[in-house]
Amino acid sequence: MDGNFRTEFVREPGALKQHPALVLNADYRPLSYYPLSLWSWQEAIKAAWLNRVDIVAEYDEVVHSPSTEIRIPSVVVLKDYVTPRKRVAFTRFNLFLRDGFRCQYCGSKGDLTFDHVVPRAAGGVTSWENVVAACSPCNLRKGSKPLHRVGMSLRKPPRQPGAEELRNVGRKFPPNHLHESWMDFLYWDAELDA
């Protein structure tokens, strides 16, 4: 066997990189909306092979082993229910998600940082109730001064979000690619238009 065959065999074919599987909980809801719960096609096939998931939808493409041919899964459902977290971790990403990826002073999108409403220099703490997403110009303008001294106001008061609230906000930010086989599972609990 020549070395070129081995190299080509080990490399992942480029087209197969683009076949992620949507992962649903046992109740047929995505584990998360943002980021969308996706597995690589390799992880999905391994989980199916180990009988940890049921395959609900498949791509047209197949992969081969010496003895088996299997269509690449596009939607898989966990056999065991995973209880969603009740408490939301206080992270930069979740803070931006809570605030809809918008500055809470001017409403702009884009280059975001975070700001302490009550500055740390004035005894403000780093918590859900005192930190908001802010664009760099607003953050610099406010600095370590109270809002009323710089003539700024908040679009909405900061507060700790619930897990379900963040999941619902995350649904407003779909990823760049949504395969057609996923659509029935991503928004199945949304109210239908009359």
N, C-alpha and C. Protein backbone atom coordinates (compact mmCIF):
# COMPACT_ATOMS: atom_id res chain seq x y z
N MET A 1 0.85 -1.17 0.00
CA MET A 1 0.00 0.00 0.00
C MET A 1 0.90 1.24 0.00
N ASP A 2 0.62 2.19 -0.89
CA ASP A 2 1.49 3.36 -0.94
C ASP A 2 1.07 4.41 0.10
N GLY A 3 2.00 5.31 0.43
CA GLY A 3 1.78 6.34 1.44
C GLY A 3 0.67 7.31 1.06
N ASN A 4 0.47 7.55 -0.24
CA ASN A 4 -0.55 8.48 -0.69
C ASN A 4 -1.95 7.97 -0.33
N PHE A 5 -2.18 6.68 -0.48
CA PHE A 5 -3.47 6.11 -0.11
C PHE A 5 -3.75 6.33 1.37
N ARG A 6 -2.76 6.08 2.20
CA ARG A 6 -2.92 6.25 3.65
C ARG A 6 -3.28 7.70 3.97
N THR A 7 -2.61 8.66 3.35
CA THR A 7 -2.86 10.08 3.60
C THR A 7 -4.29 10.44 3.20
N GLU A 8 -4.70 10.00 2.04
CA GLU A 8 -6.05 10.32 1.56
C GLU A 8 -7.11 9.66 2.44
N PHE A 9 -6.82 8.45 2.94
CA PHE A 9 -7.78 7.75 3.79
C PHE A 9 -7.96 8.46 5.12
N VAL A 10 -6.86 8.96 5.69
CA VAL A 10 -6.91 9.59 7.00
C VAL A 10 -7.59 10.95 6.92
N ARG A 11 -7.34 11.68 5.85
CA ARG A 11 -7.95 13.00 5.72
C ARG A 11 -9.46 12.88 5.62
N GLU A 12 -10.12 13.83 6.25
CA GLU A 12 -11.58 13.87 6.19
C GLU A 12 -11.99 14.50 4.86
N PRO A 13 -12.82 13.84 4.07
CA PRO A 13 -13.26 14.46 2.81
C PRO A 13 -13.95 15.79 3.09
N GLY A 14 -13.59 16.81 2.31
CA GLY A 14 -14.10 18.16 2.54
C GLY A 14 -15.61 18.25 2.59
N ALA A 15 -16.29 17.55 1.70
CA ALA A 15 -17.75 17.66 1.65
C ALA A 15 -18.41 17.11 2.92
N LEU A 16 -17.79 16.13 3.55
CA LEU A 16 -18.42 15.52 4.72
C LEU A 16 -18.29 16.39 5.97
N LYS A 17 -17.39 17.38 5.96
CA LYS A 17 -17.27 18.29 7.09
C LYS A 17 -18.54 19.11 7.27
N GLN A 18 -19.27 19.28 6.20
CA GLN A 18 -20.43 20.16 6.21
C GLN A 18 -21.74 19.42 6.46
N HIS A 19 -21.70 18.33 7.20
CA HIS A 19 -22.90 17.54 7.46
C HIS A 19 -23.13 17.36 8.96
N PRO A 20 -23.35 18.46 9.68
CA PRO A 20 -23.59 18.31 11.11
C PRO A 20 -24.96 17.70 11.37
N ALA A 21 -25.11 17.10 12.53
CA ALA A 21 -26.40 16.52 12.94
C ALA A 21 -27.00 17.38 14.03
N LEU A 22 -28.26 17.72 13.88
CA LEU A 22 -29.00 18.42 14.93
C LEU A 22 -29.28 17.41 16.04
N VAL A 23 -28.96 17.77 17.28
CA VAL A 23 -29.14 16.87 18.42
C VAL A 23 -30.35 17.31 19.22
N LEU A 24 -31.32 16.41 19.33
CA LEU A 24 -32.54 16.69 20.08
C LEU A 24 -32.54 15.89 21.37
N ASN A 25 -33.14 16.47 22.40
CA ASN A 25 -33.32 15.75 23.65
C ASN A 25 -34.39 14.68 23.43
N ALA A 26 -34.61 13.84 24.39
CA ALA A 26 -35.60 12.76 24.25
C ALA A 26 -37.01 13.30 24.05
N ASP A 27 -37.25 14.58 24.38
CA ASP A 27 -38.57 15.19 24.15
C ASP A 27 -38.66 15.87 22.78
N TYR A 28 -37.67 15.63 21.93
CA TYR A 28 -37.62 16.15 20.56
C TYR A 28 -37.43 17.67 20.50
N ARG A 29 -36.86 18.26 21.54
CA ARG A 29 -36.49 19.67 21.52
C ARG A 29 -34.97 19.75 21.49
N PRO A 30 -34.40 20.74 20.79
CA PRO A 30 -32.94 20.87 20.77
C PRO A 30 -32.38 21.03 22.18
N LEU A 31 -31.21 20.48 22.41
CA LEU A 31 -30.56 20.65 23.70
C LEU A 31 -30.30 22.14 23.96
N SER A 32 -29.95 22.87 22.92
CA SER A 32 -29.81 24.32 23.02
C SER A 32 -30.08 24.93 21.65
N TYR A 33 -30.56 26.18 21.68
CA TYR A 33 -30.82 26.90 20.44
C TYR A 33 -29.65 27.78 20.06
N TYR A 34 -28.96 28.34 21.07
CA TYR A 34 -27.85 29.22 20.77
C TYR A 34 -26.76 29.01 21.77
N PRO A 35 -25.70 28.37 21.44
CA PRO A 35 -25.45 27.82 20.12
C PRO A 35 -26.33 26.59 19.87
N LEU A 36 -26.68 26.40 18.63
CA LEU A 36 -27.53 25.28 18.26
C LEU A 36 -26.81 23.98 18.56
N SER A 37 -27.52 23.03 19.17
CA SER A 37 -26.91 21.75 19.55
C SER A 37 -26.66 20.90 18.31
N LEU A 38 -25.40 20.88 17.90
CA LEU A 38 -24.99 20.14 16.70
C LEU A 38 -23.82 19.22 17.05
N TRP A 39 -23.79 18.09 16.38
CA TRP A 39 -22.65 17.18 16.45
C TRP A 39 -22.09 17.03 15.06
N SER A 40 -20.81 16.70 14.99
CA SER A 40 -20.23 16.36 13.70
C SER A 40 -20.87 15.05 13.22
N TRP A 41 -20.76 14.78 11.93
CA TRP A 41 -21.35 13.55 11.43
C TRP A 41 -20.70 12.33 12.07
N GLN A 42 -19.40 12.43 12.42
CA GLN A 42 -18.72 11.30 13.06
C GLN A 42 -19.31 11.01 14.45
N GLU A 43 -19.54 12.08 15.22
CA GLU A 43 -20.12 11.90 16.55
C GLU A 43 -21.52 11.30 16.46
N ALA A 44 -22.31 11.76 15.49
CA ALA A 44 -23.67 11.25 15.34
C ALA A 44 -23.68 9.77 14.97
N ILE A 45 -22.80 9.37 14.07
CA ILE A 45 -22.72 7.96 13.67
C ILE A 45 -22.25 7.10 14.84
N LYS A 46 -21.26 7.60 15.58
CA LYS A 46 -20.76 6.85 16.73
C LYS A 46 -21.87 6.66 17.77
N ALA A 47 -22.63 7.73 18.06
CA ALA A 47 -23.72 7.64 19.04
C ALA A 47 -24.80 6.67 18.56
N ALA A 48 -25.09 6.67 17.28
CA ALA A 48 -26.08 5.74 16.73
C ALA A 48 -25.56 4.31 16.84
N TRP A 49 -24.29 4.12 16.51
CA TRP A 49 -23.69 2.79 16.57
C TRP A 49 -23.71 2.25 18.00
N LEU A 50 -23.51 3.14 18.98
CA LEU A 50 -23.52 2.74 20.39
C LEU A 50 -24.94 2.70 20.97
N ASN A 51 -25.92 2.91 20.13
CA ASN A 51 -27.34 2.85 20.50
C ASN A 51 -27.73 3.89 21.56
N ARG A 52 -27.11 5.08 21.47
CA ARG A 52 -27.42 6.17 22.41
C ARG A 52 -28.43 7.15 21.83
N VAL A 53 -28.63 7.08 20.50
CA VAL A 53 -29.56 7.98 19.82
C VAL A 53 -30.37 7.21 18.79
N ASP A 54 -31.49 7.79 18.43
CA ASP A 54 -32.26 7.32 17.27
C ASP A 54 -32.04 8.32 16.15
N ILE A 55 -31.88 7.82 14.95
CA ILE A 55 -31.73 8.69 13.78
C ILE A 55 -33.12 9.01 13.26
N VAL A 56 -33.42 10.30 13.16
CA VAL A 56 -34.75 10.75 12.73
C VAL A 56 -34.75 11.19 11.27
N ALA A 57 -33.64 11.79 10.83
CA ALA A 57 -33.52 12.23 9.44
C ALA A 57 -32.08 12.04 8.99
N GLU A 58 -31.89 11.88 7.69
CA GLU A 58 -30.57 11.60 7.15
C GLU A 58 -30.29 12.46 5.93
N TYR A 59 -29.00 12.69 5.68
CA TYR A 59 -28.56 13.32 4.43
C TYR A 59 -28.58 12.26 3.34
N ASP A 60 -28.42 12.68 2.11
CA ASP A 60 -28.35 11.74 0.99
C ASP A 60 -26.99 11.04 0.93
N GLU A 61 -25.95 11.67 1.49
CA GLU A 61 -24.60 11.13 1.43
C GLU A 61 -24.44 9.94 2.37
N VAL A 62 -23.55 9.05 1.99
CA VAL A 62 -23.27 7.87 2.80
C VAL A 62 -21.78 7.82 3.12
N VAL A 63 -21.46 7.10 4.19
CA VAL A 63 -20.07 6.80 4.52
C VAL A 63 -19.96 5.28 4.57
N HIS A 64 -18.74 4.82 4.35
CA HIS A 64 -18.50 3.38 4.26
C HIS A 64 -17.42 2.94 5.23
N SER A 65 -17.60 1.75 5.74
CA SER A 65 -16.51 1.05 6.41
C SER A 65 -16.29 -0.19 5.55
N PRO A 66 -15.35 -1.05 5.87
CA PRO A 66 -15.15 -2.24 5.05
C PRO A 66 -16.41 -3.12 4.96
N SER A 67 -17.25 -3.10 6.00
CA SER A 67 -18.40 -4.00 5.99
C SER A 67 -19.76 -3.30 6.06
N THR A 68 -19.78 -1.98 6.21
CA THR A 68 -21.05 -1.29 6.45
C THR A 68 -21.14 -0.02 5.61
N GLU A 69 -22.35 0.29 5.20
CA GLU A 69 -22.63 1.56 4.55
C GLU A 69 -23.75 2.22 5.35
N ILE A 70 -23.57 3.50 5.71
CA ILE A 70 -24.60 4.18 6.50
C ILE A 70 -24.78 5.59 5.96
N ARG A 71 -26.05 5.99 5.86
CA ARG A 71 -26.35 7.37 5.47
C ARG A 71 -26.02 8.28 6.64
N ILE A 72 -25.52 9.46 6.34
CA ILE A 72 -25.11 10.40 7.39
C ILE A 72 -26.36 10.97 8.05
N PRO A 73 -26.45 10.87 9.39
CA PRO A 73 -27.61 11.41 10.10
C PRO A 73 -27.64 12.95 10.05
N SER A 74 -28.83 13.52 9.85
CA SER A 74 -28.96 14.99 9.91
C SER A 74 -29.71 15.41 11.17
N VAL A 75 -30.52 14.50 11.75
CA VAL A 75 -31.21 14.77 13.02
C VAL A 75 -31.16 13.50 13.85
N VAL A 76 -30.68 13.65 15.09
CA VAL A 76 -30.66 12.52 16.01
C VAL A 76 -31.37 12.91 17.30
N VAL A 77 -31.98 11.91 17.96
CA VAL A 77 -32.70 12.12 19.21
C VAL A 77 -32.05 11.25 20.28
N LEU A 78 -31.70 11.89 21.40
CA LEU A 78 -31.12 11.13 22.51
C LEU A 78 -32.14 10.14 23.05
N LYS A 79 -31.70 8.96 23.41
CA LYS A 79 -32.61 7.97 23.99
C LYS A 79 -32.90 8.28 25.46
N ASP A 80 -31.95 8.89 26.15
CA ASP A 80 -32.14 9.27 27.55
C ASP A 80 -32.33 10.77 27.64
N TYR A 81 -33.32 11.19 28.41
CA TYR A 81 -33.62 12.61 28.57
C TYR A 81 -32.54 13.29 29.40
N VAL A 82 -32.06 14.42 28.92
CA VAL A 82 -31.08 15.23 29.65
C VAL A 82 -31.83 16.40 30.26
N THR A 83 -31.84 16.49 31.58
CA THR A 83 -32.55 17.57 32.26
C THR A 83 -31.82 18.89 32.01
N PRO A 84 -32.54 19.88 31.45
CA PRO A 84 -31.89 21.18 31.21
C PRO A 84 -31.51 21.85 32.52
N ARG A 85 -30.45 22.62 32.46
CA ARG A 85 -30.01 23.35 33.65
C ARG A 85 -31.04 24.39 34.04
N LYS A 86 -31.28 24.52 35.32
CA LYS A 86 -32.21 25.55 35.82
C LYS A 86 -31.47 26.87 36.02
N ARG A 87 -30.22 26.78 36.49
CA ARG A 87 -29.44 27.98 36.76
C ARG A 87 -28.64 28.35 35.52
N VAL A 88 -28.62 29.63 35.22
CA VAL A 88 -27.88 30.12 34.07
C VAL A 88 -26.51 30.61 34.54
N ALA A 89 -25.46 30.11 33.93
CA ALA A 89 -24.11 30.53 34.30
C ALA A 89 -23.90 31.99 33.91
N PHE A 90 -23.25 32.73 34.77
CA PHE A 90 -22.95 34.14 34.52
C PHE A 90 -21.67 34.21 33.67
N THR A 91 -21.84 34.23 32.35
CA THR A 91 -20.72 34.28 31.41
C THR A 91 -20.93 35.47 30.48
N ARG A 92 -19.86 35.87 29.85
CA ARG A 92 -19.93 36.97 28.88
C ARG A 92 -20.93 36.63 27.77
N PHE A 93 -20.84 35.40 27.26
CA PHE A 93 -21.73 34.98 26.18
C PHE A 93 -23.20 35.06 26.62
N ASN A 94 -23.52 34.53 27.80
CA ASN A 94 -24.91 34.55 28.28
C ASN A 94 -25.38 35.97 28.56
N LEU A 95 -24.48 36.83 29.01
CA LEU A 95 -24.82 38.24 29.22
C LEU A 95 -25.19 38.89 27.89
N PHE A 96 -24.36 38.67 26.86
CA PHE A 96 -24.66 39.23 25.54
C PHE A 96 -25.96 38.65 24.99
N LEU A 97 -26.19 37.37 25.22
CA LEU A 97 -27.43 36.73 24.76
C LEU A 97 -28.62 37.34 25.47
N ARG A 98 -28.54 37.52 26.80
CA ARG A 98 -29.63 38.15 27.55
C ARG A 98 -29.97 39.51 26.97
N ASP A 99 -28.94 40.28 26.60
CA ASP A 99 -29.14 41.64 26.09
C ASP A 99 -29.35 41.68 24.58
N GLY A 100 -29.54 40.52 23.97
CA GLY A 100 -29.83 40.46 22.54
C GLY A 100 -28.69 40.94 21.66
N PHE A 101 -27.46 40.83 22.14
CA PHE A 101 -26.27 41.25 21.40
C PHE A 101 -26.37 42.72 20.97
N ARG A 102 -26.93 43.55 21.87
CA ARG A 102 -27.07 44.99 21.63
C ARG A 102 -26.55 45.76 22.84
N CYS A 103 -25.98 46.93 22.56
CA CYS A 103 -25.55 47.83 23.62
C CYS A 103 -26.78 48.27 24.40
N GLN A 104 -26.74 48.20 25.71
CA GLN A 104 -27.90 48.55 26.53
C GLN A 104 -28.01 50.05 26.77
N TYR A 105 -27.09 50.83 26.17
CA TYR A 105 -27.19 52.28 26.26
C TYR A 105 -27.70 52.88 24.95
N CYS A 106 -27.12 52.48 23.82
CA CYS A 106 -27.51 53.09 22.54
C CYS A 106 -28.24 52.12 21.61
N GLY A 107 -28.18 50.82 21.89
CA GLY A 107 -28.88 49.84 21.05
C GLY A 107 -28.09 49.32 19.87
N SER A 108 -26.84 49.75 19.71
CA SER A 108 -26.06 49.31 18.56
C SER A 108 -25.63 47.86 18.71
N LYS A 109 -25.35 47.24 17.56
CA LYS A 109 -24.83 45.87 17.51
C LYS A 109 -23.35 45.95 17.19
N GLY A 110 -22.68 44.86 17.31
CA GLY A 110 -21.29 44.84 16.87
C GLY A 110 -20.31 44.63 17.98
N ASP A 111 -19.26 45.44 18.00
CA ASP A 111 -18.16 45.29 18.92
C ASP A 111 -18.61 45.56 20.35
N LEU A 112 -18.99 44.50 21.06
CA LEU A 112 -19.51 44.65 22.41
C LEU A 112 -18.48 44.31 23.47
N THR A 113 -18.63 44.97 24.59
CA THR A 113 -17.90 44.65 25.80
C THR A 113 -18.95 44.64 26.90
N PHE A 114 -18.56 44.66 28.15
CA PHE A 114 -19.57 44.76 29.20
C PHE A 114 -19.25 45.92 30.11
N ASP A 115 -20.26 46.42 30.77
CA ASP A 115 -20.10 47.59 31.63
C ASP A 115 -20.81 47.36 32.96
N HIS A 116 -20.19 47.85 34.03
CA HIS A 116 -20.82 47.83 35.36
C HIS A 116 -21.69 49.08 35.47
N VAL A 117 -23.00 48.91 35.65
CA VAL A 117 -23.91 50.04 35.76
C VAL A 117 -23.49 50.91 36.94
N VAL A 118 -23.38 50.31 38.11
CA VAL A 118 -22.77 50.99 39.27
C VAL A 118 -21.30 50.61 39.20
N PRO A 119 -20.43 51.59 38.93
CA PRO A 119 -19.01 51.28 38.73
C PRO A 119 -18.40 50.56 39.92
N ARG A 120 -17.44 49.70 39.61
CA ARG A 120 -16.75 48.98 40.69
C ARG A 120 -16.07 49.96 41.65
N ALA A 121 -15.59 51.08 41.11
CA ALA A 121 -14.94 52.08 41.95
C ALA A 121 -15.90 52.67 42.98
N ALA A 122 -17.22 52.59 42.67
CA ALA A 122 -18.24 53.09 43.60
C ALA A 122 -18.89 51.96 44.37
N GLY A 123 -18.29 50.79 44.38
CA GLY A 123 -18.82 49.66 45.14
C GLY A 123 -19.70 48.71 44.34
N GLY A 124 -19.80 48.91 43.04
CA GLY A 124 -20.60 48.02 42.20
C GLY A 124 -19.98 46.64 42.10
N VAL A 125 -20.83 45.64 42.04
CA VAL A 125 -20.36 44.25 41.98
C VAL A 125 -20.56 43.69 40.58
N THR A 126 -19.83 42.63 40.29
CA THR A 126 -19.98 41.95 39.01
C THR A 126 -21.06 40.89 39.17
N SER A 127 -22.27 41.24 38.73
CA SER A 127 -23.42 40.34 38.87
C SER A 127 -24.40 40.60 37.73
N TRP A 128 -25.35 39.68 37.57
CA TRP A 128 -26.39 39.85 36.55
C TRP A 128 -27.10 41.19 36.70
N GLU A 129 -27.30 41.63 37.95
CA GLU A 129 -28.10 42.82 38.22
C GLU A 129 -27.31 44.12 38.05
N ASN A 130 -25.99 44.04 37.78
CA ASN A 130 -25.19 45.25 37.67
C ASN A 130 -24.32 45.32 36.42
N VAL A 131 -24.37 44.31 35.56
CA VAL A 131 -23.53 44.29 34.37
C VAL A 131 -24.42 44.21 33.13
N VAL A 132 -24.07 45.01 32.11
CA VAL A 132 -24.82 45.02 30.86
C VAL A 132 -23.86 44.98 29.68
N ALA A 133 -24.37 44.59 28.52
CA ALA A 133 -23.61 44.65 27.29
C ALA A 133 -23.53 46.12 26.87
N ALA A 134 -22.35 46.53 26.42
CA ALA A 134 -22.15 47.91 26.00
C ALA A 134 -21.18 47.97 24.83
N CYS A 135 -21.42 48.89 23.92
CA CYS A 135 -20.47 49.10 22.83
C CYS A 135 -19.29 49.89 23.40
N SER A 136 -18.16 49.83 22.73
CA SER A 136 -16.97 50.51 23.23
C SER A 136 -17.17 52.02 23.39
N PRO A 137 -17.79 52.73 22.41
CA PRO A 137 -17.98 54.17 22.60
C PRO A 137 -18.82 54.51 23.84
N CYS A 138 -19.90 53.78 24.08
CA CYS A 138 -20.73 54.04 25.27
C CYS A 138 -19.97 53.70 26.54
N ASN A 139 -19.22 52.60 26.52
CA ASN A 139 -18.46 52.20 27.69
C ASN A 139 -17.41 53.27 28.03
N LEU A 140 -16.74 53.79 27.01
CA LEU A 140 -15.74 54.84 27.24
C LEU A 140 -16.41 56.13 27.72
N ARG A 141 -17.54 56.48 27.13
CA ARG A 141 -18.25 57.70 27.52
C ARG A 141 -18.69 57.65 28.98
N LYS A 142 -19.20 56.49 29.40
CA LYS A 142 -19.67 56.36 30.77
C LYS A 142 -18.50 56.28 31.74
N GLY A 143 -17.50 55.51 31.37
CA GLY A 143 -16.34 55.36 32.25
C GLY A 143 -16.74 54.83 33.61
N SER A 144 -16.20 55.43 34.66
CA SER A 144 -16.53 54.98 36.01
C SER A 144 -17.45 55.98 36.71
N LYS A 145 -18.30 56.62 35.91
CA LYS A 145 -19.25 57.59 36.47
C LYS A 145 -20.65 56.98 36.54
N PRO A 146 -21.50 57.48 37.42
CA PRO A 146 -22.89 57.03 37.45
C PRO A 146 -23.63 57.50 36.19
N LEU A 147 -24.64 56.77 35.80
CA LEU A 147 -25.39 57.09 34.58
C LEU A 147 -25.91 58.52 34.56
N HIS A 148 -26.49 58.98 35.65
CA HIS A 148 -27.11 60.31 35.65
C HIS A 148 -26.09 61.43 35.43
N ARG A 149 -24.82 61.20 35.78
CA ARG A 149 -23.79 62.24 35.60
C ARG A 149 -23.37 62.39 34.14
N VAL A 150 -23.57 61.34 33.34
CA VAL A 150 -23.18 61.43 31.93
C VAL A 150 -24.39 61.50 31.00
N GLY A 151 -25.58 61.60 31.58
CA GLY A 151 -26.79 61.75 30.77
C GLY A 151 -27.15 60.51 29.97
N MET A 152 -26.82 59.33 30.48
CA MET A 152 -27.12 58.08 29.79
C MET A 152 -28.21 57.33 30.55
N SER A 153 -28.90 56.46 29.85
CA SER A 153 -29.90 55.61 30.50
C SER A 153 -29.86 54.22 29.87
N LEU A 154 -30.42 53.26 30.59
CA LEU A 154 -30.47 51.88 30.14
C LEU A 154 -31.72 51.62 29.32
N ARG A 155 -31.60 50.78 28.31
CA ARG A 155 -32.77 50.37 27.52
C ARG A 155 -33.71 49.51 28.37
N LYS A 156 -33.13 48.66 29.22
CA LYS A 156 -33.91 47.85 30.16
C LYS A 156 -33.02 47.55 31.35
N PRO A 157 -33.61 47.41 32.52
CA PRO A 157 -32.79 47.16 33.71
C PRO A 157 -32.18 45.75 33.67
N PRO A 158 -30.93 45.64 34.11
CA PRO A 158 -30.29 44.31 34.12
C PRO A 158 -30.87 43.43 35.21
N ARG A 159 -31.00 42.13 34.87
CA ARG A 159 -31.52 41.17 35.84
C ARG A 159 -31.04 39.79 35.43
N GLN A 160 -31.14 38.86 36.38
CA GLN A 160 -30.73 37.50 36.09
C GLN A 160 -31.79 36.82 35.24
N PRO A 161 -31.43 36.28 34.07
CA PRO A 161 -32.41 35.60 33.22
C PRO A 161 -32.62 34.16 33.67
N GLY A 162 -33.77 33.62 33.34
CA GLY A 162 -34.03 32.21 33.57
C GLY A 162 -33.50 31.40 32.40
N ALA A 163 -33.30 30.11 32.60
CA ALA A 163 -32.77 29.24 31.55
C ALA A 163 -33.70 29.20 30.34
N GLU A 164 -35.00 29.09 30.59
CA GLU A 164 -35.96 29.04 29.47
C GLU A 164 -35.98 30.35 28.72
N GLU A 165 -35.86 31.45 29.43
CA GLU A 165 -35.81 32.77 28.78
C GLU A 165 -34.62 32.86 27.83
N LEU A 166 -33.45 32.41 28.28
CA LEU A 166 -32.27 32.45 27.41
C LEU A 166 -32.42 31.53 26.21
N ARG A 167 -33.04 30.37 26.41
CA ARG A 167 -33.29 29.47 25.28
C ARG A 167 -34.17 30.15 24.25
N ASN A 168 -35.20 30.85 24.72
CA ASN A 168 -36.11 31.54 23.80
C ASN A 168 -35.43 32.69 23.08
N VAL A 169 -34.57 33.42 23.78
CA VAL A 169 -33.82 34.50 23.13
C VAL A 169 -32.89 33.90 22.08
N GLY A 170 -32.26 32.78 22.40
CA GLY A 170 -31.35 32.13 21.48
C GLY A 170 -32.01 31.70 20.18
N ARG A 171 -33.28 31.43 20.22
CA ARG A 171 -34.00 31.03 19.00
C ARG A 171 -34.09 32.16 17.99
N LYS A 172 -33.89 33.39 18.45
CA LYS A 172 -33.93 34.55 17.55
C LYS A 172 -32.65 34.71 16.74
N PHE A 173 -31.63 33.91 17.06
CA PHE A 173 -30.34 34.03 16.41
C PHE A 173 -29.95 32.70 15.77
N PRO A 174 -30.61 32.34 14.66
CA PRO A 174 -30.27 31.06 14.03
C PRO A 174 -28.86 31.10 13.44
N PRO A 175 -28.21 29.94 13.35
CA PRO A 175 -26.88 29.90 12.76
C PRO A 175 -26.95 30.19 11.26
N ASN A 176 -25.79 30.35 10.66
CA ASN A 176 -25.74 30.68 9.23
C ASN A 176 -26.34 29.58 8.36
N HIS A 177 -26.27 28.35 8.82
CA HIS A 177 -26.76 27.23 8.01
C HIS A 177 -27.81 26.44 8.79
N LEU A 178 -28.98 26.32 8.20
CA LEU A 178 -30.04 25.48 8.78
C LEU A 178 -30.47 24.49 7.70
N HIS A 179 -30.20 23.23 7.93
CA HIS A 179 -30.59 22.22 6.94
C HIS A 179 -32.10 22.06 6.95
N GLU A 180 -32.67 21.81 5.80
CA GLU A 180 -34.14 21.70 5.70
C GLU A 180 -34.72 20.60 6.58
N SER A 181 -33.96 19.55 6.86
CA SER A 181 -34.47 18.46 7.71
C SER A 181 -34.58 18.88 9.17
N TRP A 182 -33.98 20.01 9.54
CA TRP A 182 -34.02 20.48 10.93
C TRP A 182 -35.25 21.32 11.24
N MET A 183 -35.86 21.89 10.23
CA MET A 183 -36.88 22.93 10.45
C MET A 183 -38.07 22.45 11.29
N ASP A 184 -38.52 21.24 11.10
CA ASP A 184 -39.66 20.74 11.87
C ASP A 184 -39.34 20.59 13.36
N PHE A 185 -38.06 20.53 13.69
CA PHE A 185 -37.68 20.31 15.08
C PHE A 185 -37.22 21.58 15.78
N LEU A 186 -36.82 22.57 15.02
CA LEU A 186 -36.32 23.80 15.64
C LEU A 186 -37.42 24.69 16.16
N TYR A 187 -38.52 24.75 15.48
CA TYR A 187 -39.57 25.69 15.87
C TYR A 187 -40.90 24.99 16.08
N TRP A 188 -40.86 23.72 16.47
CA TRP A 188 -42.10 22.94 16.60
C TRP A 188 -43.00 23.46 17.70
N ASP A 189 -42.44 24.13 18.72
CA ASP A 189 -43.27 24.61 19.80
C ASP A 189 -43.69 26.07 19.61
N ALA A 190 -43.37 26.65 18.45
CA ALA A 190 -43.78 28.02 18.16
C ALA A 190 -45.25 28.02 17.73
N GLU A 191 -45.94 29.10 18.05
CA GLU A 191 -47.35 29.20 17.70
C GLU A 191 -47.48 29.35 16.18
N LEU A 192 -48.42 28.62 15.60
CA LEU A 192 -48.64 28.66 14.16
C LEU A 192 -49.48 29.87 13.78
N ASP A 193 -49.18 30.42 12.59
CA ASP A 193 -50.00 31.53 12.10
C ASP A 193 -51.35 31.01 11.66
N ALA A 194 -52.40 31.78 11.94
CA ALA A 194 -53.75 31.36 11.57
C ALA A 194 -54.06 31.72 10.14
